[in-house]
């Protein structure tokens, strides 16, 4: 077992070396937090972890060091290493160039810099024992910043590998090139790069911590926004309960007690009061369901109460007729009852008809309205493997002019519904069921709304298009 483990680790050694000396240098170890606009972003106007490098001492400092190495390195090689001016300038340029690209191309910068300082050490000889070798002072000045800049962007493993590479190159130069210098000449570069490695590791750890902090702050802000939303929902629920429920309760009580408080109330008026009280109670019931949703995070129990459906359409049409719109309801014979229809479909049918008739009352008082609900089969639904669709069509004749509309239609008499969100809500309901909605003014006046809600998984009941029965008479 132990032998197999050792063999496995030895087999992984070439891959480990390749990742340490090559792959890691081209892959930044510090990533930007997800969801932000850039590395280390904490949001507009806030400094994130990505500012440790380019934002502080990055390109400008490295470019300044590159210029310094170019000129001082040339003079150093000419004066202290008895090297000609032209080759000294070439070697200094080779050592200075990686400084300019260390942040953008760390792998290229490192290997180019290492090759440049190695070539400088191999080609030059100090004219006295007091001059450092194999690493000239200007080689330390160029190699150390590149080492730190690359170490900031790469892994700890790659940083250690870079330090070992420099130490190994220095040892090979001492072994191959006799200069009379002792092995202590490797010490300055080794100590300087070791300090640089520790500094880069500390700064990289700080950057990673700030990156994690940025992600945690983003998550906290999202949770705070969610809490704010829930608090706003609770506030709206309290306001609705205090204001709307109070007034609706007063309407109900006054309508119920009117025949007893007012003497000699005609039978028609008493019936009207009873209708007003019934509609007010229904509105209170629906508002309580809404309040339950607003007070609950997930609101799973808000749907347990009975929801309106096809069976409630005749009462809805009768209420519309009492509001002054001559509404007629036409239902296809054999339509599935509420128990057979999917819950979302039957609720959407009712809400769409309710909103459409409300729009007629608001925008076209005194108009004639015809509501048709039947079952159709479309190619799209059939190809989806469904069982047809429920089609809702509400057509009104437009305002008669006998009474001003409560809300003018957008764009004039022939325009669409007003600036409210009723039509938007209908589109959302239809889109939720993967249906189709068409709402447009008619050429001769009036408005037509048509919605198709697919039925899926509904057992076949032998329904056929046509065979309409008319309802909605008071």
Foldseek 3Di string as FASTA:
>chain_A
DVVVVVVVVVVCVVVLLCCQLPVQLQAFPQAAAPPDPGRQDLDPPDDGLVCPEPVPCHQVVLLVLLVVLQVVQLVCCVPFFVDDNVVSNVLSNQLSVLSNCLQPRVSVSLVSNLVSLLVCLLPTATPDQVAFPPGGPSSLSRNLVSLLNSLLGGDLSNSVVSLVVSLVSRVVCCVPPDHPHDPCSVVVSSVSSVVSSVVSVVSSVVSNVRSVVSNVVVVVVVVVVLVVQLVVLLVVLVVCCVPVVVVLVVLLVCLQCVPVVDPPDDPVSNVVSVLSNVVSVVVNVVSVLVSCVSNDDVSPVSPVPDAAFPVCVLVLLLVLVVLQEQEKEKEAPPDDDPVQADVLQRNLLVLLVNLVSVQCSQAAGNKYKYWYWYWAADPVLVVVVFDTWIKIKIWIQWHPPPDHGNDHAPPGQQHHGDDDCSVVVSVVSLVVQVWDWDKGGDPNTTIMIMIIGTGGPRDDDPGDPDRMDIHNDD
